[in-house]
Amino acid sequence: MIGHRRWLAPLPLATLGYLVARGQGVHLPGIICPFRTITGVPCPTCHLTRSAMASLRGDLGLALHHHLFGPPLVAWLGWAAWRSLRQGRLALPLPSSGAMAALVVLLLSYWTLRVAGWTLLGWPTFPAN
């Protein structure tokens, strides 16, 4: 079971550290979105990393400009880091299945609105790379 491996406890904190370092301009490898590469359409989580980095710098306006889910993601990662380090094991606080389904519906609805604004109306709903 993944939750009992003590060496995974710092993983959420390491993720936050990675985002802070990238947000400060440290060149670190990132993941290129395969969905956008193949389709040309941004995926539901496009710009989420940038939003999280802006959140960690304290720039809430820029964070929300990039992706509405960035600030809550950073809060969740902070909570996961605190719990994991306190318990000495990976302790990811996951919502119930109903709440998770609601989050997925919200994410997909948000993405649909962004794509519709971007493609149909020409709105800058996805920031420039």
Protein backbone atom coordinates (compact mmCIF):
# COMPACT_ATOMS: atom_id res chain seq x y z
CA MET A 1 0.00 0.00 0.00
CA ILE A 2 1.42 3.36 -1.04
CA GLY A 3 0.35 5.16 2.15
CA HIS A 4 2.77 3.21 4.35
CA ARG A 5 5.98 3.98 2.48
CA ARG A 6 7.76 6.50 4.69
CA TRP A 7 10.06 7.69 1.93
CA LEU A 8 7.03 9.09 0.05
CA ALA A 9 6.06 11.41 2.92
CA PRO A 10 7.98 14.42 1.53
CA LEU A 11 6.42 14.07 -1.95
CA PRO A 12 3.77 16.83 -1.56
CA LEU A 13 6.37 19.18 -0.05
CA ALA A 14 8.78 18.36 -2.90
CA THR A 15 6.02 19.17 -5.39
CA LEU A 16 5.48 22.54 -3.73
CA GLY A 17 9.25 23.13 -3.77
CA TYR A 18 9.37 22.34 -7.48
CA LEU A 19 6.57 24.83 -8.16
CA VAL A 20 8.24 27.53 -6.05
CA ALA A 21 11.57 27.03 -7.83
CA ARG A 22 9.95 27.16 -11.28
CA GLY A 23 8.01 30.24 -10.22
CA GLN A 24 11.27 31.94 -9.27
CA GLY A 25 12.71 31.32 -12.72
CA VAL A 26 14.80 28.23 -11.98
CA HIS A 27 14.92 26.18 -15.17
CA LEU A 28 13.57 22.75 -14.32
CA PRO A 29 12.13 20.16 -16.68
CA GLY A 30 8.40 20.24 -17.10
CA ILE A 31 5.81 18.08 -18.77
CA ILE A 32 4.52 19.01 -22.21
CA CYS A 33 0.79 18.49 -22.58
CA PRO A 34 0.24 15.53 -24.95
CA PHE A 35 -3.43 16.48 -25.45
CA ARG A 36 -2.55 19.96 -26.70
CA THR A 37 0.36 18.63 -28.77
CA ILE A 38 -1.89 16.14 -30.58
CA THR A 39 -5.12 18.17 -30.90
CA GLY A 40 -3.97 21.79 -30.74
CA VAL A 41 -6.64 22.37 -28.09
CA PRO A 42 -5.60 23.13 -24.51
CA CYS A 43 -6.52 20.37 -22.06
CA PRO A 44 -8.65 20.87 -18.92
CA THR A 45 -5.52 21.42 -16.81
CA CYS A 46 -3.56 23.61 -19.25
CA HIS A 47 -1.97 26.54 -17.38
CA LEU A 48 -2.63 24.90 -14.00
CA THR A 49 1.11 24.71 -13.24
CA ARG A 50 1.52 28.41 -14.02
CA SER A 51 -1.48 29.19 -11.85
CA ALA A 52 0.01 27.21 -8.97
CA MET A 53 3.37 28.98 -9.37
CA ALA A 54 1.65 32.39 -9.32
CA SER A 55 -0.32 31.32 -6.23
CA LEU A 56 2.89 30.42 -4.44
CA ARG A 57 4.35 33.84 -5.33
CA GLY A 58 1.27 35.46 -3.80
CA ASP A 59 -0.04 36.79 -7.13
CA LEU A 60 -3.67 35.69 -6.87
CA GLY A 61 -4.80 37.78 -9.84
CA LEU A 62 -2.30 36.14 -12.18
CA ALA A 63 -3.03 32.73 -10.67
CA LEU A 64 -6.74 33.09 -11.41
CA HIS A 65 -5.97 34.45 -14.88
CA HIS A 66 -4.07 31.26 -15.69
CA HIS A 67 -6.50 28.75 -14.13
CA LEU A 68 -9.19 28.98 -11.45
CA PHE A 69 -8.16 25.67 -9.92
CA GLY A 70 -4.56 26.76 -9.19
CA PRO A 71 -5.04 28.40 -5.78
CA PRO A 72 -7.17 25.52 -4.43
CA LEU A 73 -4.58 23.05 -5.75
CA VAL A 74 -1.81 24.86 -3.85
CA ALA A 75 -3.91 24.86 -0.67
CA TRP A 76 -4.55 21.12 -1.08
CA LEU A 77 -0.84 20.43 -1.69
CA GLY A 78 0.05 22.43 1.42
CA TRP A 79 -2.43 20.45 3.47
CA ALA A 80 -1.14 17.18 2.00
CA ALA A 81 2.47 18.19 2.76
CA TRP A 82 1.63 19.07 6.36
CA ARG A 83 -0.32 15.84 6.93
CA SER A 84 2.29 13.65 5.24
CA LEU A 85 5.21 15.08 7.18
CA ARG A 86 3.27 15.01 10.45
CA GLN A 87 2.23 11.38 9.97
CA GLY A 88 5.56 10.26 8.50
CA ARG A 89 3.88 8.70 5.46
CA LEU A 90 2.17 9.86 2.30
CA ALA A 91 -1.22 11.09 3.51
CA LEU A 92 -3.16 12.57 0.64
CA PRO A 93 -6.47 14.00 1.84
CA LEU A 94 -8.87 12.85 -0.86
CA PRO A 95 -12.52 13.91 -1.08
CA SER A 96 -15.39 11.44 -1.10
CA SER A 97 -16.37 9.92 -4.43
CA GLY A 98 -19.34 12.29 -4.70
CA ALA A 99 -17.16 15.33 -4.06
CA MET A 100 -14.56 14.02 -6.51
CA ALA A 101 -17.25 13.60 -9.18
CA ALA A 102 -18.41 17.17 -8.53
CA LEU A 103 -14.82 18.43 -8.89
CA VAL A 104 -14.43 16.61 -12.20
CA VAL A 105 -17.73 18.07 -13.47
CA LEU A 106 -16.61 21.57 -12.38
CA LEU A 107 -13.23 21.16 -14.06
CA LEU A 108 -14.75 19.92 -17.32
CA SER A 109 -17.41 22.67 -17.27
CA TYR A 110 -14.74 25.32 -16.69
CA TRP A 111 -12.68 23.85 -19.53
CA THR A 112 -15.69 23.76 -21.88
CA LEU A 113 -16.39 27.45 -21.21
CA ARG A 114 -12.74 28.34 -21.79
CA VAL A 115 -12.52 26.37 -25.03
CA ALA A 116 -15.83 27.83 -26.28
CA GLY A 117 -14.66 31.36 -25.51
CA TRP A 118 -11.29 30.69 -27.12
CA THR A 119 -12.50 29.01 -30.31
CA LEU A 120 -15.95 30.49 -30.95
CA LEU A 121 -15.61 34.01 -29.62
CA GLY A 122 -11.89 34.63 -29.88
CA TRP A 123 -11.60 35.50 -26.20
CA PRO A 124 -8.15 35.20 -24.62
CA THR A 125 -9.36 32.52 -22.20
CA PHE A 126 -6.02 30.72 -22.46
CA PRO A 127 -3.04 32.97 -21.74
CA ALA A 128 -0.30 33.15 -24.35
CA ASN A 129 2.52 30.69 -23.83
